[in-house]
Amino acid sequence: MNLPPDSHLSNTKSYNLQDVVTMCRGNKDLVLNMVEVFIDQIPKFITALNTAFIEKNRLNIKNEVHKIKPTVHFFGAFKLEEQLLLLNEKALDALHETEVKVVVDKCNVLASEVINELKSDYNLKK
């Protein structure tokens, strides 16, 4: 297994695994397992979020954000978390539909960025 050196400490990454590494007590296999689960789950969240937006189901948007936000925070994907907080704030207000669309699109891009960096850094082919 090839773990990138100090990838959990990088300021230039779209993620920061410091909390994950701490929780796993430095166990590299466990960290890798958690990264793989994150990579598996985030696309499912993004799909559900996009579906909720297309269906104009604002309550489901909020529910999806509430489900994934702790995981995103735990993985130090703070730019994505910031957009999720903004989305949560605007989701139930019909006046902000165009703003919600912009934020959903940003979430799509940021989630892909985090996943791609993790795959690259951890040599995952998924």
C-alpha atoms as a PDB file:
ATOM      1  CA  MET A   1       0.000   0.000   0.000  1.00  0.00           C
ATOM      2  CA  ASN A   2       1.332   3.402  -0.936  1.00  0.00           C
ATOM      3  CA  LEU A   3       0.226   6.144   1.402  1.00  0.00           C
ATOM      4  CA  PRO A   4       1.364   9.599   0.409  1.00  0.00           C
ATOM      5  CA  PRO A   5       3.740  11.119   2.952  1.00  0.00           C
ATOM      6  CA  ASP A   6       1.905  13.474   5.298  1.00  0.00           C
ATOM      7  CA  SER A   7      -1.043  13.811   2.905  1.00  0.00           C
ATOM      8  CA  HIS A   8      -3.211  14.458   5.916  1.00  0.00           C
ATOM      9  CA  LEU A   9      -1.225  17.630   6.659  1.00  0.00           C
ATOM     10  CA  SER A  10      -1.176  19.284   3.247  1.00  0.00           C
ATOM     11  CA  ASN A  11      -2.620  22.765   2.910  1.00  0.00           C
ATOM     12  CA  THR A  12      -2.781  22.524  -0.877  1.00  0.00           C
ATOM     13  CA  LYS A  13      -5.103  19.532  -0.982  1.00  0.00           C
ATOM     14  CA  SER A  14      -8.865  19.672  -1.167  1.00  0.00           C
ATOM     15  CA  TYR A  15      -8.922  17.391   1.871  1.00  0.00           C
ATOM     16  CA  ASN A  16      -7.100  17.003   5.172  1.00  0.00           C
ATOM     17  CA  LEU A  17      -7.052  13.577   6.786  1.00  0.00           C
ATOM     18  CA  GLN A  18      -5.664  14.663  10.154  1.00  0.00           C
ATOM     19  CA  ASP A  19      -8.885  13.657  11.961  1.00  0.00           C
ATOM     20  CA  VAL A  20      -9.065  10.353  10.086  1.00  0.00           C
ATOM     21  CA  VAL A  21      -5.438   9.504  10.890  1.00  0.00           C
ATOM     22  CA  THR A  22      -5.970  10.446  14.540  1.00  0.00           C
ATOM     23  CA  MET A  23      -9.109   8.339  14.835  1.00  0.00           C
ATOM     24  CA  CYS A  24      -7.340   5.395  13.172  1.00  0.00           C
ATOM     25  CA  ARG A  25      -4.369   5.873  15.505  1.00  0.00           C
ATOM     26  CA  GLY A  26      -2.068   6.009  12.514  1.00  0.00           C
ATOM     27  CA  ASN A  27      -3.141   2.576  11.241  1.00  0.00           C
ATOM     28  CA  LYS A  28      -2.474   3.004   7.510  1.00  0.00           C
ATOM     29  CA  ASP A  29      -4.688   0.078   6.498  1.00  0.00           C
ATOM     30  CA  LEU A  30      -7.616   1.515   8.407  1.00  0.00           C
ATOM     31  CA  VAL A  31      -7.019   4.989   6.940  1.00  0.00           C
ATOM     32  CA  LEU A  32      -6.977   3.483   3.455  1.00  0.00           C
ATOM     33  CA  ASN A  33     -10.189   1.587   4.195  1.00  0.00           C
ATOM     34  CA  MET A  34     -11.879   4.796   5.307  1.00  0.00           C
ATOM     35  CA  VAL A  35     -10.654   6.621   2.202  1.00  0.00           C
ATOM     36  CA  GLU A  36     -12.104   3.859   0.033  1.00  0.00           C
ATOM     37  CA  VAL A  37     -15.469   4.088   1.813  1.00  0.00           C
ATOM     38  CA  PHE A  38     -15.466   7.872   1.389  1.00  0.00           C
ATOM     39  CA  ILE A  39     -14.720   7.499  -2.332  1.00  0.00           C
ATOM     40  CA  ASP A  40     -17.565   4.998  -2.613  1.00  0.00           C
ATOM     41  CA  GLN A  41     -20.138   7.030  -0.668  1.00  0.00           C
ATOM     42  CA  ILE A  42     -19.626  10.590  -1.904  1.00  0.00           C
ATOM     43  CA  PRO A  43     -20.806   9.888  -5.486  1.00  0.00           C
ATOM     44  CA  LYS A  44     -23.980   8.320  -4.074  1.00  0.00           C
ATOM     45  CA  PHE A  45     -24.573  11.468  -2.051  1.00  0.00           C
ATOM     46  CA  ILE A  46     -23.957  13.680  -5.086  1.00  0.00           C
ATOM     47  CA  THR A  47     -26.412  11.624  -7.131  1.00  0.00           C
ATOM     48  CA  ALA A  48     -29.066  11.906  -4.408  1.00  0.00           C
ATOM     49  CA  LEU A  49     -28.411  15.638  -4.078  1.00  0.00           C
ATOM     50  CA  ASN A  50     -28.758  16.198  -7.819  1.00  0.00           C
ATOM     51  CA  THR A  51     -31.934  14.110  -7.932  1.00  0.00           C
ATOM     52  CA  ALA A  52     -33.437  16.105  -5.069  1.00  0.00           C
ATOM     53  CA  PHE A  53     -32.588  19.345  -6.864  1.00  0.00           C
ATOM     54  CA  ILE A  54     -34.046  18.181 -10.188  1.00  0.00           C
ATOM     55  CA  GLU A  55     -37.211  17.067  -8.384  1.00  0.00           C
ATOM     56  CA  LYS A  56     -37.269  20.427  -6.548  1.00  0.00           C
ATOM     57  CA  ASN A  57     -37.497  18.465  -3.315  1.00  0.00           C
ATOM     58  CA  ARG A  58     -35.959  21.005  -0.971  1.00  0.00           C
ATOM     59  CA  LEU A  59     -36.488  18.876   2.109  1.00  0.00           C
ATOM     60  CA  ASN A  60     -34.497  16.022   0.545  1.00  0.00           C
ATOM     61  CA  ILE A  61     -31.724  18.466  -0.318  1.00  0.00           C
ATOM     62  CA  LYS A  62     -31.492  19.448   3.350  1.00  0.00           C
ATOM     63  CA  ASN A  63     -31.682  15.797   4.443  1.00  0.00           C
ATOM     64  CA  GLU A  64     -28.863  14.781   2.096  1.00  0.00           C
ATOM     65  CA  VAL A  65     -26.710  17.677   3.300  1.00  0.00           C
ATOM     66  CA  HIS A  66     -27.302  16.701   6.929  1.00  0.00           C
ATOM     67  CA  LYS A  67     -26.343  13.087   6.189  1.00  0.00           C
ATOM     68  CA  ILE A  68     -23.040  13.829   4.493  1.00  0.00           C
ATOM     69  CA  LYS A  69     -21.815  17.019   6.175  1.00  0.00           C
ATOM     70  CA  PRO A  70     -20.181  15.284   9.172  1.00  0.00           C
ATOM     71  CA  THR A  71     -18.266  12.932   6.888  1.00  0.00           C
ATOM     72  CA  VAL A  72     -17.097  15.783   4.676  1.00  0.00           C
ATOM     73  CA  HIS A  73     -15.958  17.690   7.767  1.00  0.00           C
ATOM     74  CA  PHE A  74     -14.185  14.618   9.149  1.00  0.00           C
ATOM     75  CA  PHE A  75     -12.262  14.270   5.879  1.00  0.00           C
ATOM     76  CA  GLY A  76     -11.245  17.907   5.985  1.00  0.00           C
ATOM     77  CA  ALA A  77     -12.966  18.771   2.701  1.00  0.00           C
ATOM     78  CA  PHE A  78     -13.659  22.247   3.997  1.00  0.00           C
ATOM     79  CA  LYS A  79     -14.426  23.938   0.670  1.00  0.00           C
ATOM     80  CA  LEU A  80     -17.074  21.295   0.010  1.00  0.00           C
ATOM     81  CA  GLU A  81     -18.367  21.624   3.564  1.00  0.00           C
ATOM     82  CA  GLU A  82     -18.677  25.402   3.110  1.00  0.00           C
ATOM     83  CA  GLN A  83     -20.855  24.871   0.043  1.00  0.00           C
ATOM     84  CA  LEU A  84     -22.974  22.312   1.889  1.00  0.00           C
ATOM     85  CA  LEU A  85     -23.598  24.796   4.686  1.00  0.00           C
ATOM     86  CA  LEU A  86     -24.606  27.407   2.123  1.00  0.00           C
ATOM     87  CA  LEU A  87     -26.851  24.914   0.379  1.00  0.00           C
ATOM     88  CA  ASN A  88     -28.469  23.970   3.669  1.00  0.00           C
ATOM     89  CA  GLU A  89     -29.152  27.648   4.321  1.00  0.00           C
ATOM     90  CA  LYS A  90     -30.772  28.305   0.934  1.00  0.00           C
ATOM     91  CA  ALA A  91     -32.450  24.969   0.180  1.00  0.00           C
ATOM     92  CA  LEU A  92     -35.878  25.698   1.637  1.00  0.00           C
ATOM     93  CA  ASP A  93     -36.188  29.205   0.224  1.00  0.00           C
ATOM     94  CA  ALA A  94     -37.865  29.094  -3.196  1.00  0.00           C
ATOM     95  CA  LEU A  95     -36.544  32.576  -3.959  1.00  0.00           C
ATOM     96  CA  HIS A  96     -33.011  31.216  -4.116  1.00  0.00           C
ATOM     97  CA  GLU A  97     -33.532  28.516  -6.765  1.00  0.00           C
ATOM     98  CA  THR A  98     -30.850  29.845  -9.123  1.00  0.00           C
ATOM     99  CA  GLU A  99     -28.440  30.230  -6.193  1.00  0.00           C
ATOM    100  CA  VAL A 100     -29.201  26.671  -5.096  1.00  0.00           C
ATOM    101  CA  LYS A 101     -28.367  25.438  -8.605  1.00  0.00           C
ATOM    102  CA  VAL A 102     -25.009  27.247  -8.516  1.00  0.00           C
ATOM    103  CA  VAL A 103     -24.177  25.731  -5.125  1.00  0.00           C
ATOM    104  CA  VAL A 104     -25.251  22.226  -6.207  1.00  0.00           C
ATOM    105  CA  ASP A 105     -22.983  22.573  -9.232  1.00  0.00           C
ATOM    106  CA  LYS A 106     -20.097  23.694  -7.000  1.00  0.00           C
ATOM    107  CA  CYS A 107     -20.709  20.684  -4.739  1.00  0.00           C
ATOM    108  CA  ASN A 108     -20.465  18.422  -7.794  1.00  0.00           C
ATOM    109  CA  VAL A 109     -17.138  19.945  -8.818  1.00  0.00           C
ATOM    110  CA  LEU A 110     -15.638  19.995  -5.307  1.00  0.00           C
ATOM    111  CA  ALA A 111     -16.707  16.423  -4.551  1.00  0.00           C
ATOM    112  CA  SER A 112     -15.090  15.238  -7.793  1.00  0.00           C
ATOM    113  CA  GLU A 113     -11.946  17.174  -6.934  1.00  0.00           C
ATOM    114  CA  VAL A 114     -11.664  15.552  -3.500  1.00  0.00           C
ATOM    115  CA  ILE A 115     -12.332  12.071  -4.887  1.00  0.00           C
ATOM    116  CA  ASN A 116      -9.848  12.467  -7.729  1.00  0.00           C
ATOM    117  CA  GLU A 117      -7.123  13.725  -5.390  1.00  0.00           C
ATOM    118  CA  LEU A 118      -7.699  10.879  -2.947  1.00  0.00           C
ATOM    119  CA  LYS A 119      -7.633   8.318  -5.763  1.00  0.00           C
ATOM    120  CA  SER A 120      -4.440   9.790  -7.116  1.00  0.00           C
ATOM    121  CA  ASP A 121      -2.735  10.174  -3.739  1.00  0.00           C
ATOM    122  CA  TYR A 122      -3.639   6.656  -2.627  1.00  0.00           C
ATOM    123  CA  ASN A 123      -3.159   4.958  -6.017  1.00  0.00           C
ATOM    124  CA  LEU A 124      -6.764   3.795  -6.175  1.00  0.00           C
ATOM    125  CA  LYS A 125      -8.199   2.769  -9.518  1.00  0.00           C
ATOM    126  CA  LYS A 126     -11.891   2.782  -8.557  1.00  0.00           C
END
